[in-house]
Amino acid sequence: MARTVVQVETVTCDAHQAGGANDEPATVVMTIGPDQYDLCEKHADKFRDYFRDLFKAAKENAA
């Protein structure tokens, strides 16, 4: 009988791990310069909104 061995790797959300939880799967990779972060959708949206607001404020201050 032929067998196929499949190895499954689960990547968890770095933000959840920082808070002490290891069970939320990461679905988004955020790269800032040389750093990469594995995030769940909830944290990816949170960081995306944060950077959007940050860059918007910087653009308004430069004008």
PDB file of N, CA and C in Angstrom:
ATOM      1  N   MET A   1       0.846  -1.167   0.000  1.00  0.00           N
ATOM      2  CA  MET A   1       0.000   0.000   0.000  1.00  0.00           C
ATOM      3  C   MET A   1       0.899   1.240   0.000  1.00  0.00           C
ATOM      4  N   ALA A   2       0.607   2.184  -0.872  1.00  0.00           N
ATOM      5  CA  ALA A   2       1.376   3.425  -0.955  1.00  0.00           C
ATOM      6  C   ALA A   2       0.866   4.413   0.078  1.00  0.00           C
ATOM      7  N   ARG A   3       1.795   5.132   0.649  1.00  0.00           N
ATOM      8  CA  ARG A   3       1.431   6.154   1.637  1.00  0.00           C
ATOM      9  C   ARG A   3       2.057   7.472   1.233  1.00  0.00           C
ATOM     10  N   THR A   4       1.332   8.509   1.486  1.00  0.00           N
ATOM     11  CA  THR A   4       1.837   9.859   1.263  1.00  0.00           C
ATOM     12  C   THR A   4       1.874  10.558   2.610  1.00  0.00           C
ATOM     13  N   VAL A   5       3.020  11.098   2.944  1.00  0.00           N
ATOM     14  CA  VAL A   5       3.160  11.824   4.197  1.00  0.00           C
ATOM     15  C   VAL A   5       3.055  13.311   3.882  1.00  0.00           C
ATOM     16  N   VAL A   6       2.129  13.967   4.537  1.00  0.00           N
ATOM     17  CA  VAL A   6       1.916  15.398   4.338  1.00  0.00           C
ATOM     18  C   VAL A   6       2.238  16.093   5.648  1.00  0.00           C
ATOM     19  N   GLN A   7       3.134  17.038   5.565  1.00  0.00           N
ATOM     20  CA  GLN A   7       3.495  17.802   6.755  1.00  0.00           C
ATOM     21  C   GLN A   7       2.770  19.142   6.685  1.00  0.00           C
ATOM     22  N   VAL A   8       2.055  19.467   7.730  1.00  0.00           N
ATOM     23  CA  VAL A   8       1.294  20.713   7.782  1.00  0.00           C
ATOM     24  C   VAL A   8       1.974  21.643   8.771  1.00  0.00           C
ATOM     25  N   GLU A   9       2.263  22.822   8.303  1.00  0.00           N
ATOM     26  CA  GLU A   9       2.873  23.831   9.167  1.00  0.00           C
ATOM     27  C   GLU A   9       1.822  24.891   9.461  1.00  0.00           C
ATOM     28  N   THR A  10       1.620  25.179  10.724  1.00  0.00           N
ATOM     29  CA  THR A  10       0.674  26.205  11.120  1.00  0.00           C
ATOM     30  C   THR A  10       1.450  27.422  11.585  1.00  0.00           C
ATOM     31  N   VAL A  11       1.144  28.564  10.983  1.00  0.00           N
ATOM     32  CA  VAL A  11       1.779  29.824  11.369  1.00  0.00           C
ATOM     33  C   VAL A  11       0.762  30.589  12.193  1.00  0.00           C
ATOM     34  N   THR A  12       1.178  31.033  13.369  1.00  0.00           N
ATOM     35  CA  THR A  12       0.264  31.754  14.242  1.00  0.00           C
ATOM     36  C   THR A  12       0.554  33.252  14.221  1.00  0.00           C
ATOM     37  N   CYS A  13      -0.440  34.025  14.602  1.00  0.00           N
ATOM     38  CA  CYS A  13      -0.370  35.476  14.592  1.00  0.00           C
ATOM     39  C   CYS A  13       0.649  35.971  15.621  1.00  0.00           C
ATOM     40  N   ASP A  14       1.611  36.782  15.159  1.00  0.00           N
ATOM     41  CA  ASP A  14       2.625  37.322  16.057  1.00  0.00           C
ATOM     42  C   ASP A  14       2.013  38.219  17.134  1.00  0.00           C
ATOM     43  N   ALA A  15       0.985  38.979  16.782  1.00  0.00           N
ATOM     44  CA  ALA A  15       0.352  39.872  17.757  1.00  0.00           C
ATOM     45  C   ALA A  15      -0.359  39.067  18.845  1.00  0.00           C
ATOM     46  N   HIS A  16      -1.008  37.980  18.479  1.00  0.00           N
ATOM     47  CA  HIS A  16      -1.639  37.127  19.487  1.00  0.00           C
ATOM     48  C   HIS A  16      -0.576  36.469  20.368  1.00  0.00           C
ATOM     49  N   GLN A  17       0.519  36.030  19.765  1.00  0.00           N
ATOM     50  CA  GLN A  17       1.589  35.414  20.550  1.00  0.00           C
ATOM     51  C   GLN A  17       2.170  36.402  21.547  1.00  0.00           C
ATOM     52  N   ALA A  18       2.306  37.660  21.143  1.00  0.00           N
ATOM     53  CA  ALA A  18       2.836  38.687  22.048  1.00  0.00           C
ATOM     54  C   ALA A  18       1.921  38.869  23.251  1.00  0.00           C
ATOM     55  N   GLY A  19       0.627  38.616  23.054  1.00  0.00           N
ATOM     56  CA  GLY A  19      -0.339  38.724  24.145  1.00  0.00           C
ATOM     57  C   GLY A  19      -0.496  37.445  24.945  1.00  0.00           C
ATOM     58  N   GLY A  20       0.249  36.412  24.579  1.00  0.00           N
ATOM     59  CA  GLY A  20       0.217  35.166  25.332  1.00  0.00           C
ATOM     60  C   GLY A  20      -0.639  34.071  24.731  1.00  0.00           C
ATOM     61  N   ALA A  21      -1.277  34.325  23.590  1.00  0.00           N
ATOM     62  CA  ALA A  21      -2.102  33.304  22.944  1.00  0.00           C
ATOM     63  C   ALA A  21      -1.378  32.747  21.725  1.00  0.00           C
ATOM     64  N   ASN A  22      -1.452  31.447  21.534  1.00  0.00           N
ATOM     65  CA  ASN A  22      -0.752  30.806  20.409  1.00  0.00           C
ATOM     66  C   ASN A  22      -1.697  30.142  19.425  1.00  0.00           C
ATOM     67  N   ASP A  23      -2.991  30.418  19.515  1.00  0.00           N
ATOM     68  CA  ASP A  23      -3.931  29.611  18.748  1.00  0.00           C
ATOM     69  C   ASP A  23      -4.572  30.315  17.557  1.00  0.00           C
ATOM     70  N   GLU A  24      -4.220  31.559  17.275  1.00  0.00           N
ATOM     71  CA  GLU A  24      -4.847  32.266  16.158  1.00  0.00           C
ATOM     72  C   GLU A  24      -3.978  32.137  14.913  1.00  0.00           C
ATOM     73  N   PRO A  25      -4.491  31.519  13.855  1.00  0.00           N
ATOM     74  CA  PRO A  25      -3.677  31.349  12.648  1.00  0.00           C
ATOM     75  C   PRO A  25      -3.419  32.674  11.939  1.00  0.00           C
ATOM     76  N   ALA A  26      -2.229  32.812  11.406  1.00  0.00           N
ATOM     77  CA  ALA A  26      -1.858  33.994  10.626  1.00  0.00           C
ATOM     78  C   ALA A  26      -2.196  33.757   9.171  1.00  0.00           C
ATOM     79  N   THR A  27      -2.772  34.767   8.533  1.00  0.00           N
ATOM     80  CA  THR A  27      -3.131  34.656   7.123  1.00  0.00           C
ATOM     81  C   THR A  27      -2.514  35.776   6.294  1.00  0.00           C
ATOM     82  N   VAL A  28      -1.860  36.726   6.956  1.00  0.00           N
ATOM     83  CA  VAL A  28      -1.291  37.892   6.292  1.00  0.00           C
ATOM     84  C   VAL A  28       0.158  38.050   6.739  1.00  0.00           C
ATOM     85  N   VAL A  29       1.041  38.378   5.799  1.00  0.00           N
ATOM     86  CA  VAL A  29       2.423  38.707   6.135  1.00  0.00           C
ATOM     87  C   VAL A  29       2.610  40.200   5.890  1.00  0.00           C
ATOM     88  N   MET A  30       3.004  40.933   6.925  1.00  0.00           N
ATOM     89  CA  MET A  30       3.260  42.364   6.812  1.00  0.00           C
ATOM     90  C   MET A  30       4.776  42.565   6.851  1.00  0.00           C
ATOM     91  N   THR A  31       5.303  43.275   5.870  1.00  0.00           N
ATOM     92  CA  THR A  31       6.736  43.530   5.790  1.00  0.00           C
ATOM     93  C   THR A  31       6.982  45.015   5.926  1.00  0.00           C
ATOM     94  N   ILE A  32       7.851  45.380   6.861  1.00  0.00           N
ATOM     95  CA  ILE A  32       8.277  46.766   7.056  1.00  0.00           C
ATOM     96  C   ILE A  32       9.796  46.739   7.046  1.00  0.00           C
ATOM     97  N   GLY A  33      10.369  47.232   5.963  1.00  0.00           N
ATOM     98  CA  GLY A  33      11.831  47.164   5.826  1.00  0.00           C
ATOM     99  C   GLY A  33      12.271  45.714   5.902  1.00  0.00           C
ATOM    100  N   PRO A  34      13.247  45.414   6.753  1.00  0.00           N
ATOM    101  CA  PRO A  34      13.742  44.041   6.847  1.00  0.00           C
ATOM    102  C   PRO A  34      12.907  43.144   7.769  1.00  0.00           C
ATOM    103  N   ASP A  35      11.889  43.691   8.429  1.00  0.00           N
ATOM    104  CA  ASP A  35      11.092  42.933   9.395  1.00  0.00           C
ATOM    105  C   ASP A  35       9.825  42.379   8.748  1.00  0.00           C
ATOM    106  N   GLN A  36       9.467  41.155   9.123  1.00  0.00           N
ATOM    107  CA  GLN A  36       8.226  40.540   8.665  1.00  0.00           C
ATOM    108  C   GLN A  36       7.418  40.086   9.866  1.00  0.00           C
ATOM    109  N   TYR A  37       6.104  40.278   9.762  1.00  0.00           N
ATOM    110  CA  TYR A  37       5.196  39.887  10.827  1.00  0.00           C
ATOM    111  C   TYR A  37       4.081  39.025  10.229  1.00  0.00           C
ATOM    112  N   ASP A  38       3.777  37.922  10.888  1.00  0.00           N
ATOM    113  CA  ASP A  38       2.668  37.060  10.506  1.00  0.00           C
ATOM    114  C   ASP A  38       1.470  37.476  11.346  1.00  0.00           C
ATOM    115  N   LEU A  39       0.364  37.845  10.677  1.00  0.00           N
ATOM    116  CA  LEU A  39      -0.784  38.385  11.390  1.00  0.00           C
ATOM    117  C   LEU A  39      -2.081  37.707  10.965  1.00  0.00           C
ATOM    118  N   CYS A  40      -3.040  37.684  11.871  1.00  0.00           N
ATOM    119  CA  CYS A  40      -4.394  37.272  11.529  1.00  0.00           C
ATOM    120  C   CYS A  40      -5.072  38.460  10.832  1.00  0.00           C
ATOM    121  N   GLU A  41      -6.233  38.224  10.244  1.00  0.00           N
ATOM    122  CA  GLU A  41      -6.939  39.300   9.530  1.00  0.00           C
ATOM    123  C   GLU A  41      -7.258  40.469  10.454  1.00  0.00           C
ATOM    124  N   LYS A  42      -7.685  40.172  11.675  1.00  0.00           N
ATOM    125  CA  LYS A  42      -8.060  41.222  12.634  1.00  0.00           C
ATOM    126  C   LYS A  42      -6.880  42.161  12.901  1.00  0.00           C
ATOM    127  N   HIS A  43      -5.718  41.603  13.188  1.00  0.00           N
ATOM    128  CA  HIS A  43      -4.548  42.439  13.464  1.00  0.00           C
ATOM    129  C   HIS A  43      -4.005  43.092  12.199  1.00  0.00           C
ATOM    130  N   ALA A  44      -4.103  42.419  11.071  1.00  0.00           N
ATOM    131  CA  ALA A  44      -3.662  43.023   9.814  1.00  0.00           C
ATOM    132  C   ALA A  44      -4.497  44.272   9.517  1.00  0.00           C
ATOM    133  N   ASP A  45      -5.818  44.180   9.707  1.00  0.00           N
ATOM    134  CA  ASP A  45      -6.687  45.338   9.500  1.00  0.00           C
ATOM    135  C   ASP A  45      -6.345  46.470  10.463  1.00  0.00           C
ATOM    136  N   LYS A  46      -6.069  46.118  11.704  1.00  0.00           N
ATOM    137  CA  LYS A  46      -5.733  47.119  12.725  1.00  0.00           C
ATOM    138  C   LYS A  46      -4.447  47.867  12.351  1.00  0.00           C
ATOM    139  N   PHE A  47      -3.407  47.127  11.965  1.00  0.00           N
ATOM    140  CA  PHE A  47      -2.145  47.762  11.582  1.00  0.00           C
ATOM    141  C   PHE A  47      -2.280  48.544  10.280  1.00  0.00           C
ATOM    142  N   ARG A  48      -3.052  48.023   9.338  1.00  0.00           N
ATOM    143  CA  ARG A  48      -3.286  48.710   8.067  1.00  0.00           C
ATOM    144  C   ARG A  48      -3.960  50.062   8.322  1.00  0.00           C
ATOM    145  N   ASP A  49      -4.977  50.073   9.178  1.00  0.00           N
ATOM    146  CA  ASP A  49      -5.666  51.324   9.515  1.00  0.00           C
ATOM    147  C   ASP A  49      -4.730  52.291  10.235  1.00  0.00           C
ATOM    148  N   TYR A  50      -3.906  51.754  11.133  1.00  0.00           N
ATOM    149  CA  TYR A  50      -2.952  52.593  11.862  1.00  0.00           C
ATOM    150  C   TYR A  50      -1.988  53.282  10.899  1.00  0.00           C
ATOM    151  N   PHE A  51      -1.410  52.530   9.978  1.00  0.00           N
ATOM    152  CA  PHE A  51      -0.462  53.123   9.030  1.00  0.00           C
ATOM    153  C   PHE A  51      -1.150  54.077   8.062  1.00  0.00           C
ATOM    154  N   ARG A  52      -2.369  53.758   7.653  1.00  0.00           N
ATOM    155  CA  ARG A  52      -3.122  54.648   6.768  1.00  0.00           C
ATOM    156  C   ARG A  52      -3.323  56.004   7.450  1.00  0.00           C
ATOM    157  N   ASP A  53      -3.730  55.988   8.722  1.00  0.00           N
ATOM    158  CA  ASP A  53      -3.927  57.229   9.475  1.00  0.00           C
ATOM    159  C   ASP A  53      -2.607  57.954   9.711  1.00  0.00           C
ATOM    160  N   LEU A  54      -1.568  57.205  10.003  1.00  0.00           N
ATOM    161  CA  LEU A  54      -0.253  57.792  10.247  1.00  0.00           C
ATOM    162  C   LEU A  54       0.271  58.511   9.016  1.00  0.00           C
ATOM    163  N   PHE A  55       0.180  57.868   7.862  1.00  0.00           N
ATOM    164  CA  PHE A  55       0.670  58.482   6.631  1.00  0.00           C
ATOM    165  C   PHE A  55      -0.211  59.633   6.197  1.00  0.00           C
ATOM    166  N   LYS A  56      -1.503  59.536   6.444  1.00  0.00           N
ATOM    167  CA  LYS A  56      -2.420  60.634   6.116  1.00  0.00           C
ATOM    168  C   LYS A  56      -2.057  61.870   6.943  1.00  0.00           C
ATOM    169  N   ALA A  57      -1.794  61.694   8.248  1.00  0.00           N
ATOM    170  CA  ALA A  57      -1.432  62.800   9.124  1.00  0.00           C
ATOM    171  C   ALA A  57      -0.087  63.396   8.693  1.00  0.00           C
ATOM    172  N   ALA A  58       0.865  62.562   8.324  1.00  0.00           N
ATOM    173  CA  ALA A  58       2.171  63.050   7.894  1.00  0.00           C
ATOM    174  C   ALA A  58       2.034  63.858   6.613  1.00  0.00           C
ATOM    175  N   LYS A  59       1.193  63.424   5.713  1.00  0.00           N
ATOM    176  CA  LYS A  59       0.969  64.130   4.447  1.00  0.00           C
ATOM    177  C   LYS A  59       0.300  65.479   4.704  1.00  0.00           C
ATOM    178  N   GLU A  60      -0.674  65.504   5.615  1.00  0.00           N
ATOM    179  CA  GLU A  60      -1.356  66.756   5.941  1.00  0.00           C
ATOM    180  C   GLU A  60      -0.417  67.742   6.627  1.00  0.00           C
ATOM    181  N   ASN A  61       0.475  67.243   7.486  1.00  0.00           N
ATOM    182  CA  ASN A  61       1.425  68.120   8.178  1.00  0.00           C
ATOM    183  C   ASN A  61       2.472  68.682   7.240  1.00  0.00           C
ATOM    184  N   ALA A  62       2.775  67.946   6.170  1.00  0.00           N
ATOM    185  CA  ALA A  62       3.783  68.410   5.213  1.00  0.00           C
ATOM    186  C   ALA A  62       3.223  69.502   4.299  1.00  0.00           C
ATOM    187  N   ALA A  63       1.908  69.555   4.172  1.00  0.00           N
ATOM    188  CA  ALA A  63       1.284  70.541   3.281  1.00  0.00           C
ATOM    189  C   ALA A  63       1.175  71.910   3.904  1.00  0.00           C
TER     190      ALA A  63
END
